[in-house]
C-alpha atoms as a PDB file:
ATOM      1  CA  UNK A   1      -4.992  57.915  56.728  1.00  0.00           C
ATOM      2  CA  UNK A   2      -5.046  55.422  53.978  1.00  0.00           C
ATOM      3  CA  UNK A   3      -2.379  55.542  51.293  1.00  0.00           C
ATOM      4  CA  UNK A   4      -3.546  54.260  47.957  1.00  0.00           C
ATOM      5  CA  UNK A   5      -1.180  52.148  45.900  1.00  0.00           C
ATOM      6  CA  UNK A   6      -1.605  53.106  42.257  1.00  0.00           C
ATOM      7  CA  UNK A   7       0.405  50.164  40.902  1.00  0.00           C
ATOM      8  CA  UNK A   8      -1.535  47.618  38.903  1.00  0.00           C
ATOM      9  CA  UNK A   9      -1.637  44.101  40.171  1.00  0.00           C
ATOM     10  CA  UNK A  10       0.393  41.667  38.140  1.00  0.00           C
ATOM     11  CA  UNK A  11      -1.958  39.353  36.278  1.00  0.00           C
ATOM     12  CA  UNK A  12       0.088  36.389  35.158  1.00  0.00           C
ATOM     13  CA  UNK A  13      -0.835  35.017  31.739  1.00  0.00           C
ATOM     14  CA  UNK A  14       0.168  31.898  29.882  1.00  0.00           C
ATOM     15  CA  UNK A  15       1.309  32.479  26.330  1.00  0.00           C
ATOM     16  CA  UNK A  16       0.077  29.522  24.246  1.00  0.00           C
ATOM     17  CA  UNK A  17       1.786  30.421  20.968  1.00  0.00           C
ATOM     18  CA  UNK A  18       5.132  28.704  21.781  1.00  0.00           C
ATOM     19  CA  UNK A  19       3.239  25.619  22.961  1.00  0.00           C
ATOM     20  CA  UNK A  20       1.273  25.475  19.713  1.00  0.00           C
ATOM     21  CA  UNK A  21       4.517  25.873  17.725  1.00  0.00           C
ATOM     22  CA  UNK A  22       6.143  22.961  19.547  1.00  0.00           C
ATOM     23  CA  UNK A  23       3.095  20.715  19.100  1.00  0.00           C
ATOM     24  CA  UNK A  24       2.909  21.574  15.390  1.00  0.00           C
ATOM     25  CA  UNK A  25       6.610  20.780  14.921  1.00  0.00           C
ATOM     26  CA  UNK A  26       6.169  17.431  16.707  1.00  0.00           C
ATOM     27  CA  UNK A  27       3.134  16.616  14.574  1.00  0.00           C
ATOM     28  CA  UNK A  28       5.029  17.368  11.354  1.00  0.00           C
ATOM     29  CA  UNK A  29       8.002  15.321  12.572  1.00  0.00           C
ATOM     30  CA  UNK A  30       5.860  12.246  13.290  1.00  0.00           C
ATOM     31  CA  UNK A  31       3.948  12.509  10.010  1.00  0.00           C
ATOM     32  CA  UNK A  32       7.143  12.776   7.959  1.00  0.00           C
ATOM     33  CA  UNK A  33       8.974   9.964   9.753  1.00  0.00           C
ATOM     34  CA  UNK A  34       6.077   7.504   9.703  1.00  0.00           C
ATOM     35  CA  UNK A  35       6.469   4.729   7.168  1.00  0.00           C
ATOM     36  CA  UNK A  36       3.436   3.474   5.368  1.00  0.00           C
ATOM     37  CA  UNK A  37       3.326  -0.197   4.499  1.00  0.00           C
ATOM     38  CA  UNK A  38       0.782  -1.212   1.889  1.00  0.00           C
ATOM     39  CA  UNK A  39       0.844  -4.820   3.007  1.00  0.00           C
ATOM     40  CA  UNK A  40      -0.292  -3.973   6.521  1.00  0.00           C
ATOM     41  CA  UNK A  41      -3.293  -2.053   5.192  1.00  0.00           C
ATOM     42  CA  UNK A  42      -4.435  -4.559   2.594  1.00  0.00           C
ATOM     43  CA  UNK A  43      -5.850  -7.794   3.853  1.00  0.00           C
ATOM     44  CA  UNK A  44      -5.535 -10.311   1.034  1.00  0.00           C
ATOM     45  CA  UNK A  45      -6.764 -13.855   1.121  1.00  0.00           C
ATOM     46  CA  UNK A  46      -4.678 -15.548  -1.557  1.00  0.00           C
ATOM     47  CA  UNK A  47      -6.027 -18.557  -3.435  1.00  0.00           C
ATOM     48  CA  UNK A  48      -4.678 -21.937  -2.383  1.00  0.00           C
ATOM     49  CA  UNK A  49      -2.536 -24.173  -4.614  1.00  0.00           C
ATOM     50  CA  UNK A  50      -0.048 -26.977  -4.289  1.00  0.00           C
ATOM     51  CA  UNK A  51       3.449 -26.781  -5.737  1.00  0.00           C
ATOM     52  CA  UNK A  52       6.868 -25.406  -5.004  1.00  0.00           C
ATOM     53  CA  UNK A  53       7.494 -21.640  -4.789  1.00  0.00           C
ATOM     54  CA  UNK A  54       9.501 -20.203  -7.644  1.00  0.00           C
ATOM     55  CA  UNK A  55      12.822 -18.526  -6.930  1.00  0.00           C
ATOM     56  CA  UNK A  56      14.039 -15.479  -8.792  1.00  0.00           C
ATOM     57  CA  UNK A  57      17.387 -13.686  -8.807  1.00  0.00           C
ATOM     58  CA  UNK A  58      15.984 -10.139  -8.862  1.00  0.00           C
ATOM     59  CA  UNK A  59      13.055  -8.547  -7.068  1.00  0.00           C
ATOM     60  CA  UNK A  60       9.769  -9.112  -8.950  1.00  0.00           C
ATOM     61  CA  UNK A  61       7.419  -6.286  -9.809  1.00  0.00           C
ATOM     62  CA  UNK A  62       4.347  -6.732  -7.614  1.00  0.00           C
ATOM     63  CA  UNK A  63       0.753  -6.075  -8.607  1.00  0.00           C
ATOM     64  CA  UNK A  64      -1.740  -6.368  -5.752  1.00  0.00           C
ATOM     65  CA  UNK A  65      -5.445  -6.641  -6.516  1.00  0.00           C
ATOM     66  CA  UNK A  66      -7.729  -6.406  -3.499  1.00  0.00           C
ATOM     67  CA  UNK A  67     -11.194  -7.936  -3.146  1.00  0.00           C
ATOM     68  CA  UNK A  68     -12.803  -4.770  -4.537  1.00  0.00           C
ATOM     69  CA  UNK A  69     -10.739  -4.930  -7.749  1.00  0.00           C
ATOM     70  CA  UNK A  70      -8.415  -2.004  -6.844  1.00  0.00           C
ATOM     71  CA  UNK A  71      -4.829  -2.167  -8.146  1.00  0.00           C
ATOM     72  CA  UNK A  72      -1.583  -1.462  -6.304  1.00  0.00           C
ATOM     73  CA  UNK A  73       1.624  -1.455  -8.391  1.00  0.00           C
ATOM     74  CA  UNK A  74       4.687  -1.667  -6.178  1.00  0.00           C
ATOM     75  CA  UNK A  75       3.726   0.577  -3.275  1.00  0.00           C
ATOM     76  CA  UNK A  76       1.498   2.931  -5.307  1.00  0.00           C
ATOM     77  CA  UNK A  77      -2.274   2.740  -5.664  1.00  0.00           C
ATOM     78  CA  UNK A  78      -3.703   3.016  -9.177  1.00  0.00           C
ATOM     79  CA  UNK A  79      -6.610   5.412  -8.861  1.00  0.00           C
ATOM     80  CA  UNK A  80      -8.619   4.140 -11.826  1.00  0.00           C
ATOM     81  CA  UNK A  81      -9.333   0.516 -12.685  1.00  0.00           C
ATOM     82  CA  UNK A  82      -9.076   0.782 -16.469  1.00  0.00           C
ATOM     83  CA  UNK A  83      -6.317  -0.714 -18.640  1.00  0.00           C
ATOM     84  CA  UNK A  84      -4.714   2.615 -19.580  1.00  0.00           C
ATOM     85  CA  UNK A  85      -4.288   3.751 -15.961  1.00  0.00           C
ATOM     86  CA  UNK A  86      -2.786   0.400 -15.017  1.00  0.00           C
ATOM     87  CA  UNK A  87      -0.431   0.522 -18.018  1.00  0.00           C
ATOM     88  CA  UNK A  88       0.721   4.017 -17.029  1.00  0.00           C
ATOM     89  CA  UNK A  89       1.411   2.925 -13.455  1.00  0.00           C
ATOM     90  CA  UNK A  90       3.338  -0.135 -14.686  1.00  0.00           C
ATOM     91  CA  UNK A  91       5.443   2.024 -17.019  1.00  0.00           C
ATOM     92  CA  UNK A  92       6.181   4.472 -14.202  1.00  0.00           C
ATOM     93  CA  UNK A  93       7.358   1.720 -11.852  1.00  0.00           C
ATOM     94  CA  UNK A  94       9.054  -0.721 -14.268  1.00  0.00           C
ATOM     95  CA  UNK A  95      10.492   1.725 -16.775  1.00  0.00           C
ATOM     96  CA  UNK A  96      11.802  -0.065 -19.861  1.00  0.00           C
ATOM     97  CA  UNK A  97      12.618  -3.391 -18.159  1.00  0.00           C
ATOM     98  CA  UNK A  98      10.227  -5.892 -19.779  1.00  0.00           C
ATOM     99  CA  UNK A  99      12.236  -8.977 -18.715  1.00  0.00           C
ATOM    100  CA  UNK A 100      11.399  -8.440 -15.074  1.00  0.00           C
ATOM    101  CA  UNK A 101       9.168 -11.006 -13.389  1.00  0.00           C
ATOM    102  CA  UNK A 102       5.712  -9.672 -12.541  1.00  0.00           C
ATOM    103  CA  UNK A 103       4.047 -11.200  -9.484  1.00  0.00           C
ATOM    104  CA  UNK A 104       0.257 -10.837  -9.395  1.00  0.00           C
ATOM    105  CA  UNK A 105      -1.148 -11.131  -5.878  1.00  0.00           C
ATOM    106  CA  UNK A 106      -4.932 -11.130  -6.205  1.00  0.00           C
ATOM    107  CA  UNK A 107      -7.337 -11.712  -3.361  1.00  0.00           C
ATOM    108  CA  UNK A 108      -9.315 -14.960  -3.678  1.00  0.00           C
ATOM    109  CA  UNK A 109     -12.527 -12.890  -3.726  1.00  0.00           C
ATOM    110  CA  UNK A 110     -11.294 -10.560  -6.489  1.00  0.00           C
ATOM    111  CA  UNK A 111     -13.585 -10.262  -9.509  1.00  0.00           C
ATOM    112  CA  UNK A 112     -12.042 -12.228 -12.381  1.00  0.00           C
ATOM    113  CA  UNK A 113     -12.355  -9.186 -14.675  1.00  0.00           C
ATOM    114  CA  UNK A 114      -9.812  -7.296 -12.542  1.00  0.00           C
ATOM    115  CA  UNK A 115      -7.259 -10.099 -12.993  1.00  0.00           C
ATOM    116  CA  UNK A 116      -7.934 -10.276 -16.752  1.00  0.00           C
ATOM    117  CA  UNK A 117      -7.472  -6.496 -16.978  1.00  0.00           C
ATOM    118  CA  UNK A 118      -4.074  -6.836 -15.278  1.00  0.00           C
ATOM    119  CA  UNK A 119      -3.064  -9.578 -17.730  1.00  0.00           C
ATOM    120  CA  UNK A 120      -4.213  -7.423 -20.647  1.00  0.00           C
ATOM    121  CA  UNK A 121      -2.192  -4.409 -19.488  1.00  0.00           C
ATOM    122  CA  UNK A 122       0.909  -6.582 -18.991  1.00  0.00           C
ATOM    123  CA  UNK A 123       0.513  -8.169 -22.429  1.00  0.00           C
ATOM    124  CA  UNK A 124       0.101  -4.789 -24.138  1.00  0.00           C
ATOM    125  CA  UNK A 125       3.301  -3.532 -22.474  1.00  0.00           C
ATOM    126  CA  UNK A 126       5.256  -6.647 -23.481  1.00  0.00           C
ATOM    127  CA  UNK A 127       5.735  -8.388 -20.135  1.00  0.00           C
ATOM    128  CA  UNK A 128       6.073 -12.142 -20.638  1.00  0.00           C
ATOM    129  CA  UNK A 129       7.288 -13.427 -17.255  1.00  0.00           C
ATOM    130  CA  UNK A 130       4.152 -13.370 -15.115  1.00  0.00           C
ATOM    131  CA  UNK A 131       3.567 -15.349 -11.917  1.00  0.00           C
ATOM    132  CA  UNK A 132       0.560 -15.664  -9.610  1.00  0.00           C
ATOM    133  CA  UNK A 133       0.963 -15.685  -5.832  1.00  0.00           C
ATOM    134  CA  UNK A 134      -0.923 -18.344  -3.896  1.00  0.00           C
ATOM    135  CA  UNK A 135      -0.823 -19.807  -0.417  1.00  0.00           C
ATOM    136  CA  UNK A 136      -0.015 -23.477   0.199  1.00  0.00           C
ATOM    137  CA  UNK A 137      -2.976 -25.791   0.356  1.00  0.00           C
ATOM    138  CA  UNK A 138      -3.485 -27.398   3.745  1.00  0.00           C
ATOM    139  CA  UNK A 139      -3.891 -31.160   3.296  1.00  0.00           C
ATOM    140  CA  UNK A 140      -7.017 -32.639   4.818  1.00  0.00           C
ATOM    141  CA  UNK A 141      -6.173 -35.981   6.388  1.00  0.00           C
ATOM    142  CA  UNK A 142      -9.139 -38.266   6.893  1.00  0.00           C
ATOM    143  CA  UNK A 143     -11.500 -35.887   8.625  1.00  0.00           C
ATOM    144  CA  UNK A 144     -14.868 -37.418   9.353  1.00  0.00           C
ATOM    145  CA  UNK A 145     -17.802 -35.128   8.940  1.00  0.00           C
END
């Protein structure tokens, strides 16, 4: 005589919801703690010049202009390339301090109009201490070609 066992077999299952929660929390943690550095993203080729670098007591306000003519004021990107947008970004970053040194770092391949637009925005806001960043010129010593 065969006795039937009416108990159901245990079917083990893996609950994925706690795993998804942990992965989501780790993803949010890494996104929030990651630092973004504008200088590592932008590859600028500065123009070359000879001369001594200027020294300043306080930190200059930096304007980066990439080869496409896009502006970056401090660590913020200016979404439009017109004078008014650049002026607004400068006012947001600099506040009322018009005696601060402004350092323009433009790529050597930047369209000249983008640099002139930056000068125009700075002049309209009243900035008078403006400097251009360059790289030192490598001297060529008697190379025969």
